[in-house]
Amino acid sequence: MTKTPDTAYAALVDTFTETDDLVEQYRAIKRIEDRFDSDMKQLKATIATKLYEGRTWSQVGEMLGVTGARAEQISRAAR
């Protein structure tokens, strides 16, 4: 069975409650939160850059539900 983002997310959230140490739970959540934010920004940048191949930023923005200028900004996180 292939994991979907939703099932992977649920499994990740469940791992934080495997310990009764609330301080450790908090610290683990904070570590993952920081890494997750950075990794998601990078993934979005990669996607925007790939979508740009053969398209204008305006077209990419429309696909992503943002302006063309915002789509270009998103792509810059990859640099």
PDB file of N, CA and C in Angstrom:
ATOM      1  N   MET A   1       0.829  -1.174   0.000  1.00  0.00           N
ATOM      2  CA  MET A   1       0.000   0.000   0.000  1.00  0.00           C
ATOM      3  C   MET A   1       0.882   1.250   0.000  1.00  0.00           C
ATOM      4  N   THR A   2       0.594   2.164  -0.896  1.00  0.00           N
ATOM      5  CA  THR A   2       1.359   3.393  -1.014  1.00  0.00           C
ATOM      6  C   THR A   2       0.857   4.416  -0.006  1.00  0.00           C
ATOM      7  N   LYS A   3       1.793   5.037   0.663  1.00  0.00           N
ATOM      8  CA  LYS A   3       1.419   6.078   1.616  1.00  0.00           C
ATOM      9  C   LYS A   3       0.990   7.339   0.876  1.00  0.00           C
ATOM     10  N   THR A   4      -0.048   7.949   1.361  1.00  0.00           N
ATOM     11  CA  THR A   4      -0.451   9.254   0.853  1.00  0.00           C
ATOM     12  C   THR A   4       0.097  10.296   1.819  1.00  0.00           C
ATOM     13  N   PRO A   5       0.152  11.545   1.401  1.00  0.00           N
ATOM     14  CA  PRO A   5       0.606  12.573   2.347  1.00  0.00           C
ATOM     15  C   PRO A   5      -0.226  12.576   3.631  1.00  0.00           C
ATOM     16  N   ASP A   6      -1.525  12.313   3.525  1.00  0.00           N
ATOM     17  CA  ASP A   6      -2.373  12.326   4.718  1.00  0.00           C
ATOM     18  C   ASP A   6      -2.044  11.179   5.672  1.00  0.00           C
ATOM     19  N   THR A   7      -1.786   9.987   5.137  1.00  0.00           N
ATOM     20  CA  THR A   7      -1.460   8.866   6.029  1.00  0.00           C
ATOM     21  C   THR A   7      -0.065   9.033   6.620  1.00  0.00           C
ATOM     22  N   ALA A   8       0.853   9.565   5.834  1.00  0.00           N
ATOM     23  CA  ALA A   8       2.202   9.820   6.353  1.00  0.00           C
ATOM     24  C   ALA A   8       2.139  10.875   7.459  1.00  0.00           C
ATOM     25  N   TYR A   9       1.326  11.894   7.256  1.00  0.00           N
ATOM     26  CA  TYR A   9       1.152  12.942   8.258  1.00  0.00           C
ATOM     27  C   TYR A   9       0.579  12.360   9.552  1.00  0.00           C
ATOM     28  N   ALA A  10      -0.455  11.546   9.432  1.00  0.00           N
ATOM     29  CA  ALA A  10      -1.080  10.944  10.613  1.00  0.00           C
ATOM     30  C   ALA A  10      -0.077  10.073  11.369  1.00  0.00           C
ATOM     31  N   ALA A  11       0.728   9.325  10.635  1.00  0.00           N
ATOM     32  CA  ALA A  11       1.738   8.479  11.279  1.00  0.00           C
ATOM     33  C   ALA A  11       2.781   9.329  12.006  1.00  0.00           C
ATOM     34  N   LEU A  12       3.176  10.438  11.394  1.00  0.00           N
ATOM     35  CA  LEU A  12       4.143  11.325  12.034  1.00  0.00           C
ATOM     36  C   LEU A  12       3.576  11.916  13.319  1.00  0.00           C
ATOM     37  N   VAL A  13       2.354  12.393  13.254  1.00  0.00           N
ATOM     38  CA  VAL A  13       1.724  12.969  14.448  1.00  0.00           C
ATOM     39  C   VAL A  13       1.640  11.925  15.554  1.00  0.00           C
ATOM     40  N   ASP A  14       1.293  10.695  15.205  1.00  0.00           N
ATOM     41  CA  ASP A  14       1.201   9.624  16.206  1.00  0.00           C
ATOM     42  C   ASP A  14       2.529   9.367  16.907  1.00  0.00           C
ATOM     43  N   THR A  15       3.646   9.541  16.211  1.00  0.00           N
ATOM     44  CA  THR A  15       4.948   9.260  16.827  1.00  0.00           C
ATOM     45  C   THR A  15       5.259  10.206  17.983  1.00  0.00           C
ATOM     46  N   PHE A  16       4.669  11.383  17.959  1.00  0.00           N
ATOM     47  CA  PHE A  16       4.959  12.339  19.033  1.00  0.00           C
ATOM     48  C   PHE A  16       4.333  11.950  20.359  1.00  0.00           C
ATOM     49  N   THR A  17       3.357  11.095  20.348  1.00  0.00           N
ATOM     50  CA  THR A  17       2.700  10.694  21.592  1.00  0.00           C
ATOM     51  C   THR A  17       3.218   9.355  22.117  1.00  0.00           C
ATOM     52  N   GLU A  18       4.263   8.840  21.492  1.00  0.00           N
ATOM     53  CA  GLU A  18       4.814   7.558  21.928  1.00  0.00           C
ATOM     54  C   GLU A  18       5.582   7.663  23.239  1.00  0.00           C
ATOM     55  N   THR A  19       5.898   8.859  23.647  1.00  0.00           N
ATOM     56  CA  THR A  19       6.556   9.059  24.936  1.00  0.00           C
ATOM     57  C   THR A  19       5.638   9.872  25.843  1.00  0.00           C
ATOM     58  N   ASP A  20       5.710   9.593  27.130  1.00  0.00           N
ATOM     59  CA  ASP A  20       4.905  10.346  28.092  1.00  0.00           C
ATOM     60  C   ASP A  20       5.596  11.641  28.521  1.00  0.00           C
ATOM     61  N   ASP A  21       6.836  11.815  28.107  1.00  0.00           N
ATOM     62  CA  ASP A  21       7.609  13.002  28.483  1.00  0.00           C
ATOM     63  C   ASP A  21       7.148  14.185  27.633  1.00  0.00           C
ATOM     64  N   LEU A  22       6.362  15.051  28.214  1.00  0.00           N
ATOM     65  CA  LEU A  22       5.787  16.166  27.473  1.00  0.00           C
ATOM     66  C   LEU A  22       6.836  17.148  26.963  1.00  0.00           C
ATOM     67  N   VAL A  23       7.895  17.330  27.738  1.00  0.00           N
ATOM     68  CA  VAL A  23       8.964  18.222  27.300  1.00  0.00           C
ATOM     69  C   VAL A  23       9.641  17.647  26.062  1.00  0.00           C
ATOM     70  N   GLU A  24       9.912  16.351  26.077  1.00  0.00           N
ATOM     71  CA  GLU A  24      10.518  15.709  24.910  1.00  0.00           C
ATOM     72  C   GLU A  24       9.573  15.761  23.715  1.00  0.00           C
ATOM     73  N   GLN A  25       8.280  15.570  23.936  1.00  0.00           N
ATOM     74  CA  GLN A  25       7.306  15.693  22.847  1.00  0.00           C
ATOM     75  C   GLN A  25       7.390  17.086  22.220  1.00  0.00           C
ATOM     76  N   TYR A  26       7.400  18.104  23.068  1.00  0.00           N
ATOM     77  CA  TYR A  26       7.461  19.477  22.579  1.00  0.00           C
ATOM     78  C   TYR A  26       8.735  19.710  21.763  1.00  0.00           C
ATOM     79  N   ARG A  27       9.872  19.290  22.304  1.00  0.00           N
ATOM     80  CA  ARG A  27      11.145  19.500  21.614  1.00  0.00           C
ATOM     81  C   ARG A  27      11.180  18.770  20.280  1.00  0.00           C
ATOM     82  N   ALA A  28      10.666  17.560  20.248  1.00  0.00           N
ATOM     83  CA  ALA A  28      10.630  16.784  19.000  1.00  0.00           C
ATOM     84  C   ALA A  28       9.744  17.476  17.969  1.00  0.00           C
ATOM     85  N   ILE A  29       8.601  17.955  18.419  1.00  0.00           N
ATOM     86  CA  ILE A  29       7.697  18.671  17.512  1.00  0.00           C
ATOM     87  C   ILE A  29       8.382  19.907  16.953  1.00  0.00           C
ATOM     88  N   LYS A  30       9.058  20.657  17.784  1.00  0.00           N
ATOM     89  CA  LYS A  30       9.740  21.874  17.336  1.00  0.00           C
ATOM     90  C   LYS A  30      10.836  21.553  16.316  1.00  0.00           C
ATOM     91  N   ARG A  31      11.617  20.492  16.577  1.00  0.00           N
ATOM     92  CA  ARG A  31      12.677  20.099  15.635  1.00  0.00           C
ATOM     93  C   ARG A  31      12.089  19.745  14.279  1.00  0.00           C
ATOM     94  N   ILE A  32      11.046  18.928  14.285  1.00  0.00           N
ATOM     95  CA  ILE A  32      10.416  18.501  13.034  1.00  0.00           C
ATOM     96  C   ILE A  32       9.748  19.685  12.337  1.00  0.00           C
ATOM     97  N   GLU A  33       9.118  20.540  13.096  1.00  0.00           N
ATOM     98  CA  GLU A  33       8.449  21.709  12.534  1.00  0.00           C
ATOM     99  C   GLU A  33       9.443  22.584  11.766  1.00  0.00           C
ATOM    100  N   ASP A  34      10.598  22.834  12.343  1.00  0.00           N
ATOM    101  CA  ASP A  34      11.613  23.656  11.692  1.00  0.00           C
ATOM    102  C   ASP A  34      12.124  23.003  10.409  1.00  0.00           C
ATOM    103  N   ARG A  35      12.409  21.714  10.479  1.00  0.00           N
ATOM    104  CA  ARG A  35      12.885  20.992   9.299  1.00  0.00           C
ATOM    105  C   ARG A  35      11.808  20.913   8.232  1.00  0.00           C
ATOM    106  N   PHE A  36      10.574  20.661   8.662  1.00  0.00           N
ATOM    107  CA  PHE A  36       9.463  20.522   7.736  1.00  0.00           C
ATOM    108  C   PHE A  36       9.252  21.817   6.956  1.00  0.00           C
ATOM    109  N   ASP A  37       9.245  22.937   7.658  1.00  0.00           N
ATOM    110  CA  ASP A  37       9.051  24.226   6.995  1.00  0.00           C
ATOM    111  C   ASP A  37      10.109  24.441   5.910  1.00  0.00           C
ATOM    112  N   SER A  38      11.339  24.176   6.237  1.00  0.00           N
ATOM    113  CA  SER A  38      12.433  24.355   5.292  1.00  0.00           C
ATOM    114  C   SER A  38      12.308  23.405   4.106  1.00  0.00           C
ATOM    115  N   ASP A  39      12.031  22.143   4.387  1.00  0.00           N
ATOM    116  CA  ASP A  39      11.916  21.146   3.313  1.00  0.00           C
ATOM    117  C   ASP A  39      10.731  21.422   2.397  1.00  0.00           C
ATOM    118  N   MET A  40       9.601  21.848   2.958  1.00  0.00           N
ATOM    119  CA  MET A  40       8.425  22.145   2.133  1.00  0.00           C
ATOM    120  C   MET A  40       8.670  23.358   1.243  1.00  0.00           C
ATOM    121  N   LYS A  41       9.372  24.343   1.759  1.00  0.00           N
ATOM    122  CA  LYS A  41       9.718  25.516   0.973  1.00  0.00           C
ATOM    123  C   LYS A  41      10.583  25.104  -0.219  1.00  0.00           C
ATOM    124  N   GLN A  42      11.528  24.221   0.031  1.00  0.00           N
ATOM    125  CA  GLN A  42      12.413  23.735  -1.028  1.00  0.00           C
ATOM    126  C   GLN A  42      11.630  22.927  -2.069  1.00  0.00           C
ATOM    127  N   LEU A  43      10.732  22.068  -1.620  1.00  0.00           N
ATOM    128  CA  LEU A  43       9.932  21.276  -2.554  1.00  0.00           C
ATOM    129  C   LEU A  43       9.040  22.158  -3.420  1.00  0.00           C
ATOM    130  N   LYS A  44       8.417  23.158  -2.814  1.00  0.00           N
ATOM    131  CA  LYS A  44       7.573  24.078  -3.574  1.00  0.00           C
ATOM    132  C   LYS A  44       8.400  24.839  -4.607  1.00  0.00           C
ATOM    133  N   ALA A  45       9.609  25.222  -4.240  1.00  0.00           N
ATOM    134  CA  ALA A  45      10.488  25.924  -5.173  1.00  0.00           C
ATOM    135  C   ALA A  45      10.840  25.038  -6.361  1.00  0.00           C
ATOM    136  N   THR A  46      11.133  23.801  -6.086  1.00  0.00           N
ATOM    137  CA  THR A  46      11.465  22.858  -7.154  1.00  0.00           C
ATOM    138  C   THR A  46      10.287  22.664  -8.094  1.00  0.00           C
ATOM    139  N   ILE A  47       9.100  22.520  -7.539  1.00  0.00           N
ATOM    140  CA  ILE A  47       7.895  22.353  -8.357  1.00  0.00           C
ATOM    141  C   ILE A  47       7.665  23.580  -9.231  1.00  0.00           C
ATOM    142  N   ALA A  48       7.748  24.771  -8.636  1.00  0.00           N
ATOM    143  CA  ALA A  48       7.533  26.001  -9.408  1.00  0.00           C
ATOM    144  C   ALA A  48       8.553  26.116 -10.533  1.00  0.00           C
ATOM    145  N   THR A  49       9.800  25.788 -10.255  1.00  0.00           N
ATOM    146  CA  THR A  49      10.853  25.856 -11.263  1.00  0.00           C
ATOM    147  C   THR A  49      10.584  24.883 -12.402  1.00  0.00           C
ATOM    148  N   LYS A  50      10.168  23.669 -12.067  1.00  0.00           N
ATOM    149  CA  LYS A  50       9.861  22.677 -13.108  1.00  0.00           C
ATOM    150  C   LYS A  50       8.647  23.092 -13.936  1.00  0.00           C
ATOM    151  N   LEU A  51       7.645  23.661 -13.295  1.00  0.00           N
ATOM    152  CA  LEU A  51       6.463  24.119 -14.020  1.00  0.00           C
ATOM    153  C   LEU A  51       6.793  25.262 -14.975  1.00  0.00           C
ATOM    154  N   TYR A  52       7.793  26.044 -14.644  1.00  0.00           N
ATOM    155  CA  TYR A  52       8.180  27.193 -15.457  1.00  0.00           C
ATOM    156  C   TYR A  52       8.762  26.787 -16.808  1.00  0.00           C
ATOM    157  N   GLU A  53       9.305  25.590 -16.893  1.00  0.00           N
ATOM    158  CA  GLU A  53       9.904  25.127 -18.151  1.00  0.00           C
ATOM    159  C   GLU A  53       8.843  25.127 -19.249  1.00  0.00           C
ATOM    160  N   GLY A  54       9.014  26.018 -20.230  1.00  0.00           N
ATOM    161  CA  GLY A  54       8.083  26.116 -21.345  1.00  0.00           C
ATOM    162  C   GLY A  54       6.850  26.960 -21.057  1.00  0.00           C
ATOM    163  N   ARG A  55       6.818  27.611 -19.903  1.00  0.00           N
ATOM    164  CA  ARG A  55       5.678  28.441 -19.526  1.00  0.00           C
ATOM    165  C   ARG A  55       6.163  29.804 -19.047  1.00  0.00           C
ATOM    166  N   THR A  56       5.232  30.729 -18.933  1.00  0.00           N
ATOM    167  CA  THR A  56       5.536  32.024 -18.328  1.00  0.00           C
ATOM    168  C   THR A  56       5.246  31.931 -16.836  1.00  0.00           C
ATOM    169  N   TRP A  57       5.777  32.885 -16.080  1.00  0.00           N
ATOM    170  CA  TRP A  57       5.489  32.899 -14.640  1.00  0.00           C
ATOM    171  C   TRP A  57       4.009  33.148 -14.394  1.00  0.00           C
ATOM    172  N   SER A  58       3.384  33.903 -15.276  1.00  0.00           N
ATOM    173  CA  SER A  58       1.949  34.138 -15.150  1.00  0.00           C
ATOM    174  C   SER A  58       1.170  32.825 -15.271  1.00  0.00           C
ATOM    175  N   GLN A  59       1.565  31.985 -16.223  1.00  0.00           N
ATOM    176  CA  GLN A  59       0.913  30.682 -16.386  1.00  0.00           C
ATOM    177  C   GLN A  59       1.151  29.789 -15.168  1.00  0.00           C
ATOM    178  N   VAL A  60       2.371  29.798 -14.678  1.00  0.00           N
ATOM    179  CA  VAL A  60       2.692  28.996 -13.491  1.00  0.00           C
ATOM    180  C   VAL A  60       1.880  29.497 -12.302  1.00  0.00           C
ATOM    181  N   GLY A  61       1.825  30.809 -12.149  1.00  0.00           N
ATOM    182  CA  GLY A  61       1.041  31.380 -11.055  1.00  0.00           C
ATOM    183  C   GLY A  61      -0.410  30.969 -11.121  1.00  0.00           C
ATOM    184  N   GLU A  62      -0.974  30.990 -12.316  1.00  0.00           N
ATOM    185  CA  GLU A  62      -2.372  30.576 -12.474  1.00  0.00           C
ATOM    186  C   GLU A  62      -2.558  29.116 -12.065  1.00  0.00           C
ATOM    187  N   MET A  63      -1.616  28.279 -12.438  1.00  0.00           N
ATOM    188  CA  MET A  63      -1.684  26.861 -12.075  1.00  0.00           C
ATOM    189  C   MET A  63      -1.635  26.674 -10.562  1.00  0.00           C
ATOM    190  N   LEU A  64      -0.832  27.485  -9.901  1.00  0.00           N
ATOM    191  CA  LEU A  64      -0.633  27.348  -8.457  1.00  0.00           C
ATOM    192  C   LEU A  64      -1.612  28.173  -7.628  1.00  0.00           C
ATOM    193  N   GLY A  65      -2.399  29.016  -8.291  1.00  0.00           N
ATOM    194  CA  GLY A  65      -3.363  29.831  -7.569  1.00  0.00           C
ATOM    195  C   GLY A  65      -2.748  31.069  -6.928  1.00  0.00           C
ATOM    196  N   VAL A  66      -1.654  31.538  -7.526  1.00  0.00           N
ATOM    197  CA  VAL A  66      -0.988  32.747  -7.042  1.00  0.00           C
ATOM    198  C   VAL A  66      -0.688  33.626  -8.255  1.00  0.00           C
ATOM    199  N   THR A  67      -0.151  34.814  -8.019  1.00  0.00           N
ATOM    200  CA  THR A  67       0.253  35.662  -9.138  1.00  0.00           C
ATOM    201  C   THR A  67       1.531  35.109  -9.764  1.00  0.00           C
ATOM    202  N   GLY A  68       1.812  35.583 -10.965  1.00  0.00           N
ATOM    203  CA  GLY A  68       3.049  35.181 -11.620  1.00  0.00           C
ATOM    204  C   GLY A  68       4.269  35.617 -10.834  1.00  0.00           C
ATOM    205  N   ALA A  69       4.182  36.823 -10.267  1.00  0.00           N
ATOM    206  CA  ALA A  69       5.301  37.324  -9.465  1.00  0.00           C
ATOM    207  C   ALA A  69       5.525  36.447  -8.238  1.00  0.00           C
ATOM    208  N   ARG A  70       4.447  36.015  -7.621  1.00  0.00           N
ATOM    209  CA  ARG A  70       4.581  35.141  -6.430  1.00  0.00           C
ATOM    210  C   ARG A  70       5.154  33.793  -6.821  1.00  0.00           C
ATOM    211  N   ALA A  71       4.727  33.253  -7.970  1.00  0.00           N
ATOM    212  CA  ALA A  71       5.267  31.968  -8.439  1.00  0.00           C
ATOM    213  C   ALA A  71       6.775  32.071  -8.639  1.00  0.00           C
ATOM    214  N   GLU A  72       7.219  33.187  -9.192  1.00  0.00           N
ATOM    215  CA  GLU A  72       8.660  33.385  -9.382  1.00  0.00           C
ATOM    216  C   GLU A  72       9.376  33.489  -8.043  1.00  0.00           C
ATOM    217  N   GLN A  73       8.777  34.187  -7.091  1.00  0.00           N
ATOM    218  CA  GLN A  73       9.365  34.277  -5.746  1.00  0.00           C
ATOM    219  C   GLN A  73       9.493  32.893  -5.117  1.00  0.00           C
ATOM    220  N   ILE A  74       8.458  32.083  -5.241  1.00  0.00           N
ATOM    221  CA  ILE A  74       8.486  30.730  -4.691  1.00  0.00           C
ATOM    222  C   ILE A  74       9.646  29.948  -5.287  1.00  0.00           C
ATOM    223  N   SER A  75       9.865  30.104  -6.586  1.00  0.00           N
ATOM    224  CA  SER A  75      10.938  29.361  -7.252  1.00  0.00           C
ATOM    225  C   SER A  75      12.319  29.751  -6.753  1.00  0.00           C
ATOM    226  N   ARG A  76      12.461  30.957  -6.287  1.00  0.00           N
ATOM    227  CA  ARG A  76      13.768  31.446  -5.841  1.00  0.00           C
ATOM    228  C   ARG A  76      14.246  30.782  -4.556  1.00  0.00           C
ATOM    229  N   ALA A  77      13.368  30.164  -3.825  1.00  0.00           N
ATOM    230  CA  ALA A  77      13.777  29.471  -2.595  1.00  0.00           C
ATOM    231  C   ALA A  77      14.705  28.312  -2.906  1.00  0.00           C
ATOM    232  N   ALA A  78      14.704  27.850  -4.158  1.00  0.00           N
ATOM    233  CA  ALA A  78      15.567  26.736  -4.550  1.00  0.00           C
ATOM    234  C   ALA A  78      17.011  27.173  -4.735  1.00  0.00           C
ATOM    235  N   ARG A  79      17.226  28.439  -4.836  1.00  0.00           N
ATOM    236  CA  ARG A  79      18.582  28.954  -5.109  1.00  0.00           C
ATOM    237  C   ARG A  79      19.365  29.179  -3.850  1.00  0.00           C
TER     238      ARG A  79
END
